[in-house]
N, C-alpha and C. Protein backbone atom coordinates (compact mmCIF):
# COMPACT_ATOMS: atom_id res chain seq x y z
N UNK A 1 -15.62 -17.65 -13.70
CA UNK A 1 -15.55 -17.82 -12.38
C UNK A 1 -14.45 -17.04 -11.54
N UNK A 2 -14.53 -16.42 -10.06
CA UNK A 2 -13.23 -15.63 -9.03
C UNK A 2 -12.86 -16.59 -9.39
N UNK A 3 -11.30 -15.97 -9.36
CA UNK A 3 -10.05 -16.97 -8.75
C UNK A 3 -9.60 -16.20 -7.27
N UNK A 4 -9.38 -16.93 -6.06
CA UNK A 4 -8.37 -16.28 -4.86
C UNK A 4 -6.99 -16.22 -5.09
N UNK A 5 -6.05 -15.84 -4.48
CA UNK A 5 -4.84 -15.95 -4.37
C UNK A 5 -4.20 -15.09 -3.11
N UNK A 6 -2.84 -15.81 -2.75
CA UNK A 6 -3.13 -14.73 -1.66
C UNK A 6 -1.47 -14.47 -1.72
N UNK A 7 -1.13 -13.51 -0.73
CA UNK A 7 0.98 -12.69 -0.86
C UNK A 7 1.10 -12.53 0.32
N UNK A 8 2.33 -12.17 0.74
CA UNK A 8 2.43 -11.55 1.81
C UNK A 8 3.04 -10.31 2.09
N UNK A 9 3.42 -9.53 2.41
CA UNK A 9 4.03 -8.60 2.91
C UNK A 9 4.22 -8.24 4.08
N UNK A 10 6.05 -8.64 4.47
CA UNK A 10 7.02 -8.71 5.71
C UNK A 10 7.32 -7.21 6.00
N UNK A 11 6.79 -6.63 6.98
CA UNK A 11 7.42 -5.39 7.74
C UNK A 11 8.44 -5.28 8.54
N UNK A 12 9.75 -5.00 8.61
CA UNK A 12 10.98 -4.88 9.67
C UNK A 12 11.70 -3.95 9.55
N UNK A 13 11.53 -3.72 11.39
CA UNK A 13 11.71 -2.66 11.93
C UNK A 13 12.59 -2.50 12.74
N UNK A 14 13.25 -1.43 13.47
CA UNK A 14 14.70 -1.93 14.40
C UNK A 14 13.74 -2.60 15.57
N UNK A 15 12.75 -1.70 15.77
CA UNK A 15 11.77 -1.75 17.62
C UNK A 15 10.00 -2.44 17.47
N UNK A 16 10.10 -2.34 18.02
CA UNK A 16 8.99 -3.19 18.31
C UNK A 16 7.92 -2.17 18.46
N UNK A 17 7.55 -1.62 17.53
CA UNK A 17 7.30 0.13 16.85
C UNK A 17 5.72 0.04 16.38
N UNK A 18 4.46 0.61 16.64
CA UNK A 18 2.92 -0.51 15.96
C UNK A 18 3.07 0.42 15.04
N UNK A 19 2.18 0.68 13.53
CA UNK A 19 2.65 0.48 12.30
C UNK A 19 0.96 0.02 11.61
N UNK A 20 1.14 1.20 10.13
CA UNK A 20 -0.28 0.69 9.70
C UNK A 20 0.48 0.40 8.24
N UNK A 21 -0.80 -0.91 7.62
CA UNK A 21 0.47 -0.48 5.82
C UNK A 21 -0.44 -0.08 5.06
N UNK A 22 -0.76 -0.13 4.48
CA UNK A 22 -1.50 0.83 3.30
C UNK A 22 -1.41 0.47 1.75
N UNK A 23 -2.65 0.12 1.12
CA UNK A 23 -1.25 -0.94 -0.56
C UNK A 23 -3.11 0.56 -1.11
N UNK A 24 -2.34 0.37 -2.40
CA UNK A 24 -2.41 2.29 -3.27
C UNK A 24 -3.75 1.09 -4.60
N UNK A 25 -4.22 1.75 -5.52
CA UNK A 25 -5.33 1.63 -6.57
C UNK A 25 -3.95 1.03 -7.49
N UNK A 26 -2.93 0.60 -7.92
CA UNK A 26 -2.48 -0.25 -8.34
C UNK A 26 -2.89 0.82 -9.96
N UNK A 27 -2.32 -0.11 -10.86
CA UNK A 27 -2.79 1.56 -12.37
C UNK A 27 -3.62 1.95 -12.62
N UNK A 28 -4.36 1.57 -11.39
CA UNK A 28 -5.82 1.78 -12.52
C UNK A 28 -6.00 3.31 -10.88
N UNK A 29 -5.38 3.58 -10.47
CA UNK A 29 -5.70 5.03 -9.41
C UNK A 29 -6.37 4.53 -8.58
N UNK A 30 -7.09 3.12 -8.67
CA UNK A 30 -8.75 3.47 -7.83
C UNK A 30 -8.69 2.36 -7.18
N UNK A 31 -8.61 2.78 -5.14
CA UNK A 31 -9.13 1.02 -5.14
C UNK A 31 -9.56 0.68 -5.35
N UNK A 32 -11.02 0.98 -5.89
CA UNK A 32 -12.44 0.68 -5.98
C UNK A 32 -12.49 -0.38 -6.98
N UNK A 33 -11.34 -0.30 -7.89
CA UNK A 33 -11.66 -0.92 -9.03
C UNK A 33 -10.34 -0.84 -9.55
N UNK A 34 -9.83 -1.81 -8.86
CA UNK A 34 -8.65 -2.72 -9.54
C UNK A 34 -8.19 -3.20 -10.88
N UNK A 35 -7.53 -2.91 -11.44
CA UNK A 35 -7.59 -4.12 -12.48
C UNK A 35 -6.05 -4.32 -12.95
N UNK A 36 -5.88 -5.86 -13.95
CA UNK A 36 -4.62 -6.65 -14.71
C UNK A 36 -4.23 -6.55 -15.61
N UNK A 37 -3.72 -5.61 -16.30
CA UNK A 37 -3.75 -5.63 -17.66
C UNK A 37 -2.89 -6.37 -19.05
N UNK A 38 -3.27 -6.48 -19.52
CA UNK A 38 -1.98 -7.23 -19.87
C UNK A 38 -1.03 -6.81 -21.34
N UNK A 39 0.16 -7.25 -22.07
CA UNK A 39 0.71 -5.94 -22.77
C UNK A 39 -0.01 -5.72 -24.10
N UNK A 40 -1.94 -5.92 -24.29
CA UNK A 40 -2.19 -4.98 -25.50
C UNK A 40 -3.48 -4.09 -24.72
N UNK A 41 -3.17 -4.44 -23.41
CA UNK A 41 -4.15 -3.36 -22.91
C UNK A 41 -5.53 -3.59 -22.63
N UNK A 42 -5.48 -5.11 -22.66
CA UNK A 42 -6.61 -5.36 -22.07
C UNK A 42 -6.87 -5.49 -20.59
N UNK A 43 -7.79 -5.39 -20.29
CA UNK A 43 -7.83 -5.52 -18.32
C UNK A 43 -9.24 -6.56 -18.15
N UNK A 44 -8.64 -6.79 -16.86
CA UNK A 44 -10.23 -7.26 -15.98
C UNK A 44 -9.75 -7.27 -14.40
N UNK A 45 -10.72 -7.14 -13.76
CA UNK A 45 -10.94 -6.22 -12.94
C UNK A 45 -10.23 -7.61 -10.93
N UNK A 46 -10.46 -7.20 -10.37
CA UNK A 46 -9.11 -7.93 -9.42
C UNK A 46 -9.26 -6.71 -8.17
N UNK A 47 -9.51 -7.64 -6.81
CA UNK A 47 -9.76 -6.92 -5.19
C UNK A 47 -8.93 -7.42 -4.50
N UNK A 48 -7.67 -7.03 -3.81
CA UNK A 48 -7.16 -6.89 -2.61
C UNK A 48 -8.11 -7.02 -1.02
N UNK A 49 -7.83 -8.01 -0.11
CA UNK A 49 -8.33 -7.93 1.09
C UNK A 49 -7.73 -8.22 2.18
N UNK A 50 -8.59 -8.10 3.66
CA UNK A 50 -7.50 -7.47 5.00
C UNK A 50 -7.42 -9.35 4.96
N UNK A 51 -8.87 -10.19 5.07
CA UNK A 51 -8.95 -11.45 5.27
C UNK A 51 -9.60 -12.38 4.34
N UNK A 52 -8.99 -14.02 4.63
CA UNK A 52 -9.53 -14.94 3.35
C UNK A 52 -11.04 -14.55 3.15
N UNK A 53 -12.08 -14.25 3.69
CA UNK A 53 -13.53 -14.81 3.85
C UNK A 53 -13.44 -13.09 2.70
N UNK A 54 -12.52 -12.84 1.81
CA UNK A 54 -12.88 -11.02 1.38
C UNK A 54 -13.96 -10.66 1.30
N UNK A 55 -13.97 -9.97 2.93
CA UNK A 55 -14.75 -8.82 2.73
C UNK A 55 -14.67 -7.20 2.95
N UNK A 56 -13.30 -7.28 3.90
CA UNK A 56 -12.91 -6.37 4.02
C UNK A 56 -11.14 -5.89 3.16
N UNK A 57 -12.17 -4.16 1.79
CA UNK A 57 -10.92 -3.51 0.99
C UNK A 57 -10.12 -3.08 1.77
N UNK A 58 -8.27 -3.92 1.31
CA UNK A 58 -8.03 -3.39 1.77
C UNK A 58 -7.28 -2.36 1.00
N UNK A 59 -7.21 -1.05 1.71
CA UNK A 59 -6.85 -0.04 1.05
C UNK A 59 -6.23 0.91 1.74
N UNK A 60 -6.21 2.12 1.65
CA UNK A 60 -5.54 4.01 2.43
C UNK A 60 -6.29 4.28 3.33
N UNK A 61 -7.20 3.69 3.69
CA UNK A 61 -7.17 4.04 4.83
C UNK A 61 -8.79 5.08 4.49
N UNK A 62 -8.68 5.52 3.20
CA UNK A 62 -10.01 6.49 3.18
C UNK A 62 -10.25 5.46 2.33
N UNK A 63 -10.79 5.22 1.29
CA UNK A 63 -10.96 3.77 0.67
C UNK A 63 -10.29 2.92 0.90
N UNK A 64 -10.56 1.66 1.44
CA UNK A 64 -10.52 0.89 1.84
C UNK A 64 -9.75 0.35 3.76
N UNK A 65 -9.49 -0.49 4.17
CA UNK A 65 -8.75 -0.31 5.34
C UNK A 65 -7.35 -0.48 5.57
N UNK A 66 -6.85 -0.05 6.01
CA UNK A 66 -5.08 -0.36 6.43
C UNK A 66 -5.00 -1.38 7.53
N UNK A 67 -3.72 -1.92 7.44
CA UNK A 67 -3.76 -3.01 8.79
C UNK A 67 -2.76 -2.53 9.25
N UNK A 68 -3.11 -2.74 10.92
CA UNK A 68 -2.04 -2.42 11.80
C UNK A 68 -0.89 -3.70 12.45
N UNK A 69 0.02 -3.10 12.91
CA UNK A 69 0.85 -3.75 13.11
C UNK A 69 1.91 -3.81 14.01
N UNK A 70 2.79 -4.07 14.48
CA UNK A 70 4.12 -4.06 15.55
C UNK A 70 4.49 -4.72 15.27
N UNK A 71 5.87 -4.04 15.12
CA UNK A 71 7.62 -4.25 15.78
C UNK A 71 7.76 -6.02 16.34
N UNK A 72 8.86 -6.35 15.91
CA UNK A 72 10.50 -5.70 14.88
C UNK A 72 9.88 -6.50 13.44
N UNK A 73 9.11 -7.59 14.07
CA UNK A 73 8.95 -8.56 12.50
C UNK A 73 8.03 -8.74 12.11
N UNK A 74 6.94 -8.72 11.75
CA UNK A 74 5.66 -9.04 11.42
C UNK A 74 5.96 -9.19 9.54
N UNK A 75 4.83 -10.61 9.38
CA UNK A 75 4.70 -11.17 8.38
C UNK A 75 2.84 -11.37 8.00
N UNK A 76 2.55 -9.87 6.89
CA UNK A 76 1.13 -9.70 6.47
C UNK A 76 0.38 -10.66 5.57
N UNK A 77 -0.42 -10.98 5.48
CA UNK A 77 -0.95 -12.17 4.15
C UNK A 77 -1.76 -10.92 3.47
N UNK A 78 -1.68 -10.91 2.22
CA UNK A 78 -3.22 -9.54 1.39
C UNK A 78 -3.93 -11.63 0.94
N UNK A 79 -5.35 -11.15 0.60
CA UNK A 79 -6.21 -11.96 -0.07
C UNK A 79 -6.70 -11.32 -0.97
N UNK A 80 -6.51 -12.33 -2.42
CA UNK A 80 -6.68 -10.95 -3.74
C UNK A 80 -8.08 -12.45 -4.01
N UNK A 81 -8.65 -11.30 -5.19
CA UNK A 81 -9.86 -12.65 -5.86
C UNK A 81 -10.87 -11.83 -7.03
N UNK A 82 -10.14 -12.33 -8.17
CA UNK A 82 -10.96 -11.79 -9.27
C UNK A 82 -12.00 -10.92 -9.13
N UNK A 83 -12.39 -9.38 -10.22
CA UNK A 83 -14.11 -10.02 -10.13
C UNK A 83 -14.32 -10.01 -11.30
N UNK A 84 -13.29 -10.13 -12.12
CA UNK A 84 -14.44 -10.52 -13.76
C UNK A 84 -13.19 -11.41 -13.67
N UNK A 85 -13.52 -12.11 -15.71
CA UNK A 85 -12.27 -12.29 -15.88
C UNK A 85 -11.90 -11.92 -17.03
N UNK A 86 -10.83 -12.64 -17.41
CA UNK A 86 -10.44 -11.46 -18.80
C UNK A 86 -10.36 -12.06 -20.20
N UNK A 87 -10.69 -11.18 -21.07
CA UNK A 87 -11.36 -11.23 -22.38
C UNK A 87 -10.66 -11.58 -23.88
N UNK A 88 -9.03 -11.36 -23.53
CA UNK A 88 -8.47 -12.04 -24.40
C UNK A 88 -7.62 -12.76 -23.47
N UNK A 89 -6.40 -13.62 -24.62
CA UNK A 89 -5.48 -14.77 -23.79
C UNK A 89 -3.82 -13.42 -23.16
N UNK A 90 -3.02 -13.77 -22.42
CA UNK A 90 -2.16 -12.66 -21.97
C UNK A 90 -2.04 -13.24 -20.78
N UNK A 91 -0.75 -12.65 -20.61
CA UNK A 91 0.05 -13.16 -19.16
C UNK A 91 -0.65 -10.58 -19.02
N UNK A 92 -1.04 -10.90 -17.39
CA UNK A 92 -1.46 -9.96 -17.02
C UNK A 92 -1.52 -8.87 -15.35
N UNK A 93 -0.59 -8.29 -15.58
CA UNK A 93 -0.21 -7.63 -14.06
C UNK A 93 -1.12 -6.67 -13.89
N UNK A 94 -0.20 -5.97 -13.05
CA UNK A 94 -0.60 -4.51 -11.61
C UNK A 94 1.05 -4.39 -10.95
N UNK A 95 1.18 -3.21 -10.79
CA UNK A 95 1.47 -3.32 -9.53
C UNK A 95 0.41 -1.88 -8.57
N UNK A 96 1.57 -2.79 -7.38
CA UNK A 96 0.67 -1.72 -5.80
C UNK A 96 1.62 -1.36 -5.03
N UNK A 97 1.50 -0.67 -4.69
CA UNK A 97 2.71 -0.17 -3.67
C UNK A 97 2.10 0.36 -2.26
N UNK A 98 2.69 0.08 -1.89
CA UNK A 98 2.65 -0.58 -0.22
C UNK A 98 2.75 0.58 0.34
N UNK A 99 2.86 1.17 1.19
CA UNK A 99 2.94 2.14 2.43
C UNK A 99 2.84 1.97 3.84
N UNK A 100 4.62 1.73 4.57
CA UNK A 100 4.20 1.72 5.71
C UNK A 100 4.25 3.28 6.41
N UNK A 101 3.11 2.95 7.44
CA UNK A 101 3.39 4.80 8.41
C UNK A 101 3.67 3.66 10.11
N UNK A 102 5.03 4.32 10.62
CA UNK A 102 5.30 4.34 11.66
C UNK A 102 4.83 4.93 12.71
């Protein structure tokens, strides 16, 4: 079954300037095919979204949407959902790069 989770990104700026936040595809390099990987290289899919109903993929603006905000400080919620299940037990991770453009 799919599992939902969320986290936050806090953007701090010295002025109230508009910004865009982009998320890359993580270790898979593919925004449309994000994967979690364990120590034995087993994987399963997940996706990151801009809202709780999991319809708009948070990406880099080319694939998926970016999220906009205005400083000086704003906390944005990232909504995650698995798209498949693991085939092996273990701790699964991925690293996603956050890019803030002012």
